[in-house]
Amino acid sequence: MVSDRVLGSADGFGVDVLFQMRKADGTWTAPLDIMPNGNNQSGPSLAWDTQVGFGVAAVERSTNELLYKASANGTTWQATDQVYQTGSGGWWPSLASEDSLHVRQLIGGNWQDQLVDEEGGYLPKLGYLSSGKRVVAYRRPATSSEPGVLRLAVEK
């Protein structure tokens, strides 16, 4: 589980990225601050993969960075990797921006980019079909030709 801290407000922006795992006895590990952060907007996003282990994406809004961190076991974490930083990019910790919607994948230490929607996407969520193909659910931004429409993009 990943979470953040919201200080001084019930609905403010979160800070830091905290990771916890459920133990075999049903209790939780102590929160581990894996990504100190001053403003992560809507909070971190967690994924798990059999090859990589845990992956966490989060925004550092003060510098418009989209950050990624991975761990094979949830205890030892790799260095934070900057995925994106420019303009309004790096918003919403699903490795996408609102100006255009992309999926980026780390292959052999390099980030590979694939365009999903030129008009962008709001609050995208990445998932996988049983075939292994990626799917992205998102809303069209207000600036698009179909504002607010819910879309589902399936990898070819």
N, C-alpha and C. Protein backbone atom coordinates (compact mmCIF):
# COMPACT_ATOMS: atom_id res chain seq x y z
N MET A 1 0.85 -1.15 0.00
CA MET A 1 0.00 0.00 0.00
C MET A 1 0.90 1.23 0.00
N VAL A 2 0.50 2.24 -0.79
CA VAL A 2 1.20 3.52 -0.75
C VAL A 2 0.22 4.59 -0.30
N SER A 3 0.75 5.57 0.36
CA SER A 3 -0.06 6.68 0.83
C SER A 3 0.84 7.90 0.96
N ASP A 4 0.25 8.99 1.43
CA ASP A 4 1.02 10.19 1.69
C ASP A 4 0.51 10.83 2.96
N ARG A 5 1.10 11.96 3.32
CA ARG A 5 0.66 12.70 4.50
C ARG A 5 0.03 14.01 4.03
N VAL A 6 -1.11 14.36 4.61
CA VAL A 6 -1.74 15.65 4.32
C VAL A 6 -1.68 16.43 5.63
N LEU A 7 -0.85 17.46 5.65
CA LEU A 7 -0.61 18.21 6.86
C LEU A 7 -1.40 19.51 6.88
N GLY A 8 -2.08 19.78 7.98
CA GLY A 8 -2.75 21.06 8.18
C GLY A 8 -4.05 21.24 7.44
N SER A 9 -4.56 20.20 6.79
CA SER A 9 -5.80 20.34 6.03
C SER A 9 -6.39 18.96 5.79
N ALA A 10 -7.70 18.88 5.79
CA ALA A 10 -8.36 17.60 5.53
C ALA A 10 -8.36 17.24 4.05
N ASP A 11 -8.17 18.24 3.19
CA ASP A 11 -8.22 17.96 1.75
C ASP A 11 -7.10 18.65 0.97
N GLY A 12 -5.96 18.86 1.60
CA GLY A 12 -4.84 19.51 0.92
C GLY A 12 -4.01 18.52 0.13
N PHE A 13 -2.95 19.02 -0.49
CA PHE A 13 -2.05 18.16 -1.23
C PHE A 13 -1.18 17.36 -0.26
N GLY A 14 -0.84 16.15 -0.66
CA GLY A 14 -0.03 15.29 0.18
C GLY A 14 1.45 15.57 0.04
N VAL A 15 2.18 15.12 1.04
CA VAL A 15 3.64 15.19 1.01
C VAL A 15 4.19 13.80 1.29
N ASP A 16 5.38 13.52 0.77
CA ASP A 16 6.07 12.25 0.96
C ASP A 16 5.28 11.09 0.36
N VAL A 17 5.96 9.98 0.15
CA VAL A 17 5.33 8.75 -0.32
C VAL A 17 5.69 7.66 0.67
N LEU A 18 4.67 7.12 1.32
CA LEU A 18 4.85 6.10 2.35
C LEU A 18 4.44 4.74 1.81
N PHE A 19 5.23 3.71 2.09
CA PHE A 19 4.95 2.35 1.62
C PHE A 19 4.80 1.43 2.83
N GLN A 20 3.78 0.58 2.78
CA GLN A 20 3.58 -0.44 3.82
C GLN A 20 3.15 -1.74 3.16
N MET A 21 3.52 -2.86 3.80
CA MET A 21 3.10 -4.19 3.32
C MET A 21 2.36 -4.91 4.44
N ARG A 22 1.40 -5.71 4.05
CA ARG A 22 0.69 -6.54 5.02
C ARG A 22 1.52 -7.79 5.29
N LYS A 23 1.75 -8.09 6.56
CA LYS A 23 2.53 -9.26 6.94
C LYS A 23 1.64 -10.50 6.98
N ALA A 24 2.26 -11.66 7.05
CA ALA A 24 1.53 -12.93 7.06
C ALA A 24 0.55 -13.02 8.24
N ASP A 25 0.85 -12.36 9.36
CA ASP A 25 -0.04 -12.42 10.53
C ASP A 25 -1.18 -11.40 10.45
N GLY A 26 -1.28 -10.66 9.33
CA GLY A 26 -2.36 -9.71 9.14
C GLY A 26 -2.06 -8.30 9.60
N THR A 27 -0.94 -8.09 10.26
CA THR A 27 -0.56 -6.73 10.67
C THR A 27 0.22 -6.07 9.53
N TRP A 28 0.45 -4.76 9.68
CA TRP A 28 1.16 -4.01 8.64
C TRP A 28 2.55 -3.63 9.10
N THR A 29 3.48 -3.54 8.14
CA THR A 29 4.81 -3.03 8.45
C THR A 29 4.69 -1.55 8.78
N ALA A 30 5.70 -1.02 9.45
CA ALA A 30 5.71 0.42 9.74
C ALA A 30 5.83 1.18 8.42
N PRO A 31 5.22 2.37 8.32
CA PRO A 31 5.33 3.16 7.09
C PRO A 31 6.79 3.51 6.80
N LEU A 32 7.20 3.29 5.56
CA LEU A 32 8.55 3.58 5.11
C LEU A 32 8.46 4.73 4.11
N ASP A 33 9.10 5.86 4.40
CA ASP A 33 9.07 7.01 3.49
C ASP A 33 10.06 6.72 2.36
N ILE A 34 9.53 6.27 1.21
CA ILE A 34 10.39 5.87 0.11
C ILE A 34 10.70 7.00 -0.87
N MET A 35 9.92 8.10 -0.79
CA MET A 35 10.13 9.20 -1.72
C MET A 35 9.76 10.52 -1.06
N PRO A 36 10.69 11.13 -0.31
CA PRO A 36 10.39 12.43 0.28
C PRO A 36 9.94 13.40 -0.80
N ASN A 37 8.88 14.15 -0.51
CA ASN A 37 8.22 14.92 -1.56
C ASN A 37 7.47 16.08 -0.91
N GLY A 38 7.50 17.25 -1.52
CA GLY A 38 6.86 18.42 -0.93
C GLY A 38 5.42 18.65 -1.33
N ASN A 39 4.98 18.10 -2.46
CA ASN A 39 3.60 18.27 -2.93
C ASN A 39 3.34 17.24 -4.01
N ASN A 40 2.68 16.15 -3.65
CA ASN A 40 2.43 15.12 -4.65
C ASN A 40 1.00 15.11 -5.17
N GLN A 41 0.32 16.24 -5.11
CA GLN A 41 -1.01 16.45 -5.65
C GLN A 41 -1.99 15.37 -5.21
N SER A 42 -2.36 14.47 -6.12
CA SER A 42 -3.40 13.48 -5.83
C SER A 42 -2.87 12.22 -5.17
N GLY A 43 -1.60 12.19 -4.82
CA GLY A 43 -1.04 11.04 -4.13
C GLY A 43 -0.30 10.10 -5.06
N PRO A 44 0.39 9.11 -4.50
CA PRO A 44 1.18 8.18 -5.29
C PRO A 44 0.32 7.08 -5.92
N SER A 45 0.91 6.38 -6.87
CA SER A 45 0.27 5.26 -7.54
C SER A 45 1.17 4.04 -7.41
N LEU A 46 0.58 2.89 -7.09
CA LEU A 46 1.34 1.66 -6.85
C LEU A 46 0.96 0.61 -7.87
N ALA A 47 1.95 -0.12 -8.35
CA ALA A 47 1.72 -1.27 -9.23
C ALA A 47 2.67 -2.39 -8.81
N TRP A 48 2.33 -3.61 -9.23
CA TRP A 48 3.19 -4.75 -8.94
C TRP A 48 3.30 -5.61 -10.19
N ASP A 49 4.50 -6.11 -10.46
CA ASP A 49 4.76 -6.93 -11.63
C ASP A 49 5.64 -8.10 -11.22
N THR A 50 5.41 -9.27 -11.80
CA THR A 50 6.19 -10.45 -11.42
C THR A 50 7.67 -10.31 -11.77
N GLN A 51 8.02 -9.52 -12.78
CA GLN A 51 9.41 -9.35 -13.18
C GLN A 51 10.14 -8.27 -12.38
N VAL A 52 9.45 -7.17 -12.09
CA VAL A 52 10.08 -6.01 -11.44
C VAL A 52 9.82 -5.97 -9.95
N GLY A 53 8.62 -6.38 -9.54
CA GLY A 53 8.21 -6.25 -8.14
C GLY A 53 7.30 -5.04 -8.02
N PHE A 54 7.54 -4.21 -7.02
CA PHE A 54 6.72 -3.03 -6.77
C PHE A 54 7.23 -1.84 -7.59
N GLY A 55 6.30 -1.06 -8.11
CA GLY A 55 6.63 0.19 -8.80
C GLY A 55 5.74 1.28 -8.23
N VAL A 56 6.31 2.44 -7.97
CA VAL A 56 5.56 3.56 -7.43
C VAL A 56 5.84 4.80 -8.27
N ALA A 57 4.77 5.49 -8.66
CA ALA A 57 4.91 6.76 -9.38
C ALA A 57 4.30 7.86 -8.52
N ALA A 58 4.92 9.02 -8.52
CA ALA A 58 4.41 10.16 -7.76
C ALA A 58 4.90 11.45 -8.41
N VAL A 59 4.18 12.50 -8.16
CA VAL A 59 4.53 13.82 -8.66
C VAL A 59 5.30 14.59 -7.60
N GLU A 60 6.24 15.40 -8.02
CA GLU A 60 6.81 16.45 -7.18
C GLU A 60 6.39 17.75 -7.85
N ARG A 61 5.26 18.29 -7.40
CA ARG A 61 4.63 19.42 -8.07
C ARG A 61 5.49 20.68 -8.06
N SER A 62 6.29 20.88 -7.05
CA SER A 62 7.08 22.10 -6.97
C SER A 62 8.08 22.21 -8.13
N THR A 63 8.46 21.07 -8.71
CA THR A 63 9.40 21.07 -9.84
C THR A 63 8.80 20.43 -11.10
N ASN A 64 7.49 20.11 -11.07
CA ASN A 64 6.80 19.48 -12.20
C ASN A 64 7.47 18.18 -12.64
N GLU A 65 7.91 17.39 -11.68
CA GLU A 65 8.56 16.12 -12.01
C GLU A 65 7.61 14.95 -11.78
N LEU A 66 7.64 14.00 -12.68
CA LEU A 66 6.98 12.72 -12.47
C LEU A 66 8.08 11.74 -12.12
N LEU A 67 7.99 11.14 -10.94
CA LEU A 67 9.05 10.29 -10.41
C LEU A 67 8.60 8.84 -10.30
N TYR A 68 9.57 7.93 -10.41
CA TYR A 68 9.29 6.49 -10.36
C TYR A 68 10.32 5.83 -9.46
N LYS A 69 9.87 4.83 -8.73
CA LYS A 69 10.77 4.09 -7.85
C LYS A 69 10.33 2.63 -7.86
N ALA A 70 11.28 1.69 -7.80
CA ALA A 70 10.95 0.27 -7.85
C ALA A 70 11.66 -0.49 -6.74
N SER A 71 11.06 -1.64 -6.37
CA SER A 71 11.63 -2.52 -5.36
C SER A 71 11.19 -3.95 -5.64
N ALA A 72 12.13 -4.87 -5.64
CA ALA A 72 11.79 -6.27 -5.86
C ALA A 72 11.09 -6.88 -4.66
N ASN A 73 11.37 -6.36 -3.45
CA ASN A 73 10.86 -7.00 -2.24
C ASN A 73 10.09 -6.08 -1.30
N GLY A 74 9.99 -4.80 -1.61
CA GLY A 74 9.28 -3.86 -0.75
C GLY A 74 10.12 -3.35 0.41
N THR A 75 11.35 -3.81 0.52
CA THR A 75 12.25 -3.39 1.61
C THR A 75 13.39 -2.53 1.08
N THR A 76 14.04 -3.00 0.03
CA THR A 76 15.14 -2.28 -0.58
C THR A 76 14.64 -1.63 -1.86
N TRP A 77 14.80 -0.31 -1.96
CA TRP A 77 14.27 0.45 -3.08
C TRP A 77 15.39 1.01 -3.94
N GLN A 78 15.18 1.00 -5.26
CA GLN A 78 16.13 1.61 -6.18
C GLN A 78 16.08 3.13 -6.02
N ALA A 79 17.06 3.81 -6.57
CA ALA A 79 17.08 5.27 -6.55
C ALA A 79 15.86 5.80 -7.31
N THR A 80 15.38 6.95 -6.91
CA THR A 80 14.25 7.57 -7.59
C THR A 80 14.66 7.98 -8.99
N ASP A 81 13.82 7.64 -9.98
CA ASP A 81 14.10 7.91 -11.38
C ASP A 81 13.15 9.00 -11.87
N GLN A 82 13.70 10.04 -12.48
CA GLN A 82 12.88 11.11 -13.04
C GLN A 82 12.38 10.66 -14.41
N VAL A 83 11.05 10.52 -14.54
CA VAL A 83 10.46 10.06 -15.79
C VAL A 83 10.19 11.23 -16.72
N TYR A 84 9.72 12.34 -16.15
CA TYR A 84 9.27 13.45 -16.98
C TYR A 84 9.34 14.74 -16.18
N GLN A 85 9.76 15.82 -16.85
CA GLN A 85 9.74 17.13 -16.20
C GLN A 85 9.76 18.20 -17.28
N THR A 86 8.60 18.79 -17.51
CA THR A 86 8.54 19.93 -18.41
C THR A 86 7.13 20.49 -18.42
N GLY A 87 6.97 21.79 -18.44
CA GLY A 87 5.65 22.42 -18.51
C GLY A 87 4.68 21.87 -17.50
N SER A 88 3.52 21.43 -17.96
CA SER A 88 2.52 20.84 -17.06
C SER A 88 2.69 19.34 -16.97
N GLY A 89 3.73 18.80 -17.57
CA GLY A 89 3.95 17.36 -17.55
C GLY A 89 4.27 16.86 -16.17
N GLY A 90 4.07 15.58 -15.98
CA GLY A 90 4.37 14.98 -14.70
C GLY A 90 3.22 15.03 -13.73
N TRP A 91 2.07 15.53 -14.16
CA TRP A 91 0.92 15.55 -13.26
C TRP A 91 0.25 14.20 -13.29
N TRP A 92 -0.40 13.84 -12.20
CA TRP A 92 -1.14 12.59 -12.01
C TRP A 92 -0.18 11.40 -12.14
N PRO A 93 0.06 10.75 -11.03
CA PRO A 93 1.11 9.73 -10.97
C PRO A 93 0.72 8.43 -11.65
N SER A 94 0.45 8.52 -12.92
CA SER A 94 0.21 7.34 -13.73
C SER A 94 1.05 7.41 -14.98
N LEU A 95 2.11 8.20 -14.92
CA LEU A 95 3.06 8.37 -16.00
C LEU A 95 2.42 8.96 -17.24
N ALA A 96 1.56 9.94 -17.03
CA ALA A 96 0.91 10.63 -18.15
C ALA A 96 0.73 12.10 -17.81
N SER A 97 0.60 12.94 -18.84
CA SER A 97 0.31 14.35 -18.62
C SER A 97 -1.02 14.69 -19.28
N GLU A 98 -1.53 15.88 -18.99
CA GLU A 98 -2.83 16.28 -19.53
C GLU A 98 -2.71 16.83 -20.95
N ASP A 99 -1.53 17.27 -21.37
CA ASP A 99 -1.36 17.85 -22.70
C ASP A 99 -1.43 16.80 -23.80
N SER A 100 -0.83 15.69 -23.60
CA SER A 100 -0.95 14.52 -24.47
C SER A 100 -0.74 13.33 -23.55
N LEU A 101 -1.35 12.22 -23.91
CA LEU A 101 -1.31 11.05 -23.03
C LEU A 101 -0.35 10.02 -23.61
N HIS A 102 0.65 9.65 -22.80
CA HIS A 102 1.67 8.70 -23.22
C HIS A 102 1.78 7.58 -22.18
N VAL A 103 2.25 6.42 -22.62
CA VAL A 103 2.66 5.36 -21.72
C VAL A 103 4.17 5.24 -21.87
N ARG A 104 4.87 5.29 -20.77
CA ARG A 104 6.33 5.13 -20.80
C ARG A 104 6.68 3.86 -20.06
N GLN A 105 7.59 3.09 -20.64
CA GLN A 105 8.00 1.82 -20.06
C GLN A 105 9.52 1.79 -19.96
N LEU A 106 10.01 1.33 -18.84
CA LEU A 106 11.45 1.23 -18.63
C LEU A 106 11.94 -0.10 -19.20
N ILE A 107 12.75 -0.03 -20.26
CA ILE A 107 13.28 -1.23 -20.91
C ILE A 107 14.78 -1.09 -20.98
N GLY A 108 15.49 -2.01 -20.36
CA GLY A 108 16.94 -1.99 -20.39
C GLY A 108 17.56 -0.72 -19.87
N GLY A 109 16.93 -0.10 -18.88
CA GLY A 109 17.45 1.12 -18.28
C GLY A 109 17.08 2.39 -19.02
N ASN A 110 16.32 2.27 -20.11
CA ASN A 110 15.89 3.44 -20.88
C ASN A 110 14.37 3.51 -20.92
N TRP A 111 13.83 4.73 -20.84
CA TRP A 111 12.39 4.93 -20.91
C TRP A 111 11.95 4.95 -22.36
N GLN A 112 11.01 4.06 -22.71
CA GLN A 112 10.41 4.00 -24.04
C GLN A 112 9.05 4.67 -23.98
N ASP A 113 8.74 5.50 -24.98
CA ASP A 113 7.52 6.30 -24.98
C ASP A 113 6.57 5.84 -26.07
N GLN A 114 5.28 5.74 -25.73
CA GLN A 114 4.25 5.41 -26.72
C GLN A 114 3.08 6.38 -26.54
N LEU A 115 2.71 7.07 -27.61
CA LEU A 115 1.59 8.00 -27.58
C LEU A 115 0.28 7.23 -27.51
N VAL A 116 -0.61 7.63 -26.58
CA VAL A 116 -1.94 7.02 -26.45
C VAL A 116 -2.99 7.94 -27.06
N ASP A 117 -2.94 9.25 -26.73
CA ASP A 117 -3.95 10.18 -27.21
C ASP A 117 -3.32 11.57 -27.32
N GLU A 118 -3.30 12.12 -28.53
CA GLU A 118 -2.69 13.44 -28.76
C GLU A 118 -3.40 14.55 -28.00
N GLU A 119 -4.70 14.39 -27.69
CA GLU A 119 -5.45 15.43 -27.01
C GLU A 119 -5.36 15.32 -25.49
N GLY A 120 -4.63 14.36 -25.00
CA GLY A 120 -4.39 14.26 -23.57
C GLY A 120 -5.39 13.40 -22.84
N GLY A 121 -5.22 13.33 -21.53
CA GLY A 121 -6.08 12.53 -20.67
C GLY A 121 -6.00 13.01 -19.24
N TYR A 122 -7.10 12.91 -18.54
CA TYR A 122 -7.19 13.36 -17.15
C TYR A 122 -7.39 12.16 -16.25
N LEU A 123 -6.59 12.06 -15.18
CA LEU A 123 -6.63 10.98 -14.20
C LEU A 123 -6.59 9.60 -14.84
N PRO A 124 -5.60 9.32 -15.69
CA PRO A 124 -5.52 8.02 -16.34
C PRO A 124 -5.14 6.91 -15.36
N LYS A 125 -5.61 5.71 -15.65
CA LYS A 125 -5.27 4.52 -14.88
C LYS A 125 -4.78 3.45 -15.84
N LEU A 126 -3.66 2.85 -15.55
CA LEU A 126 -3.05 1.83 -16.39
C LEU A 126 -3.40 0.46 -15.85
N GLY A 127 -3.75 -0.46 -16.73
CA GLY A 127 -4.04 -1.84 -16.35
C GLY A 127 -3.52 -2.78 -17.41
N TYR A 128 -3.66 -4.09 -17.16
CA TYR A 128 -3.21 -5.10 -18.10
C TYR A 128 -4.31 -6.13 -18.34
N LEU A 129 -4.48 -6.52 -19.59
CA LEU A 129 -5.41 -7.60 -19.93
C LEU A 129 -4.72 -8.93 -19.66
N SER A 130 -5.48 -10.01 -19.64
CA SER A 130 -4.89 -11.34 -19.41
C SER A 130 -3.91 -11.71 -20.52
N SER A 131 -4.04 -11.09 -21.69
CA SER A 131 -3.12 -11.32 -22.80
C SER A 131 -1.79 -10.60 -22.60
N GLY A 132 -1.71 -9.72 -21.59
CA GLY A 132 -0.51 -8.93 -21.34
C GLY A 132 -0.54 -7.56 -21.99
N LYS A 133 -1.55 -7.29 -22.83
CA LYS A 133 -1.66 -5.97 -23.45
C LYS A 133 -2.03 -4.93 -22.40
N ARG A 134 -1.47 -3.72 -22.56
CA ARG A 134 -1.77 -2.62 -21.65
C ARG A 134 -3.08 -1.95 -22.06
N VAL A 135 -3.82 -1.47 -21.07
CA VAL A 135 -5.02 -0.67 -21.30
C VAL A 135 -4.93 0.57 -20.42
N VAL A 136 -5.44 1.68 -20.94
CA VAL A 136 -5.45 2.93 -20.19
C VAL A 136 -6.87 3.47 -20.20
N ALA A 137 -7.44 3.65 -19.02
CA ALA A 137 -8.74 4.30 -18.87
C ALA A 137 -8.49 5.74 -18.45
N TYR A 138 -9.19 6.68 -19.09
CA TYR A 138 -8.96 8.10 -18.79
C TYR A 138 -10.14 8.93 -19.26
N ARG A 139 -10.21 10.16 -18.78
CA ARG A 139 -11.19 11.12 -19.25
C ARG A 139 -10.50 12.11 -20.18
N ARG A 140 -11.23 12.56 -21.18
CA ARG A 140 -10.70 13.58 -22.07
C ARG A 140 -10.67 14.90 -21.31
N PRO A 141 -9.61 15.69 -21.44
CA PRO A 141 -9.53 16.98 -20.73
C PRO A 141 -10.48 18.01 -21.32
N ALA A 142 -10.71 19.07 -20.58
CA ALA A 142 -11.63 20.13 -21.00
C ALA A 142 -11.22 20.77 -22.32
N THR A 143 -9.94 20.71 -22.65
CA THR A 143 -9.44 21.33 -23.88
C THR A 143 -9.57 20.43 -25.10
N SER A 144 -10.08 19.21 -24.94
CA SER A 144 -10.16 18.26 -26.05
C SER A 144 -11.43 18.45 -26.87
N SER A 145 -11.54 17.70 -27.96
CA SER A 145 -12.73 17.76 -28.80
C SER A 145 -13.92 17.06 -28.16
N GLU A 146 -13.68 16.23 -27.13
CA GLU A 146 -14.74 15.52 -26.40
C GLU A 146 -14.53 15.69 -24.90
N PRO A 147 -14.69 16.90 -24.36
CA PRO A 147 -14.38 17.13 -22.94
C PRO A 147 -15.18 16.22 -22.01
N GLY A 148 -14.46 15.59 -21.07
CA GLY A 148 -15.09 14.77 -20.04
C GLY A 148 -15.46 13.37 -20.44
N VAL A 149 -15.34 13.02 -21.73
CA VAL A 149 -15.70 11.68 -22.18
C VAL A 149 -14.73 10.65 -21.60
N LEU A 150 -15.27 9.54 -21.09
CA LEU A 150 -14.45 8.46 -20.57
C LEU A 150 -13.98 7.59 -21.74
N ARG A 151 -12.68 7.33 -21.81
CA ARG A 151 -12.13 6.55 -22.91
C ARG A 151 -11.32 5.38 -22.38
N LEU A 152 -11.20 4.35 -23.20
CA LEU A 152 -10.38 3.19 -22.88
C LEU A 152 -9.50 2.90 -24.10
N ALA A 153 -8.19 3.00 -23.92
CA ALA A 153 -7.25 2.73 -25.00
C ALA A 153 -6.63 1.35 -24.74
N VAL A 154 -6.62 0.51 -25.76
CA VAL A 154 -6.06 -0.84 -25.67
C VAL A 154 -4.85 -0.93 -26.57
N GLU A 155 -3.74 -1.44 -26.04
CA GLU A 155 -2.50 -1.58 -26.81
C GLU A 155 -2.72 -2.48 -28.02
N LYS A 156 -2.15 -2.08 -29.15
CA LYS A 156 -2.29 -2.87 -30.39
C LYS A 156 -1.35 -4.04 -30.38
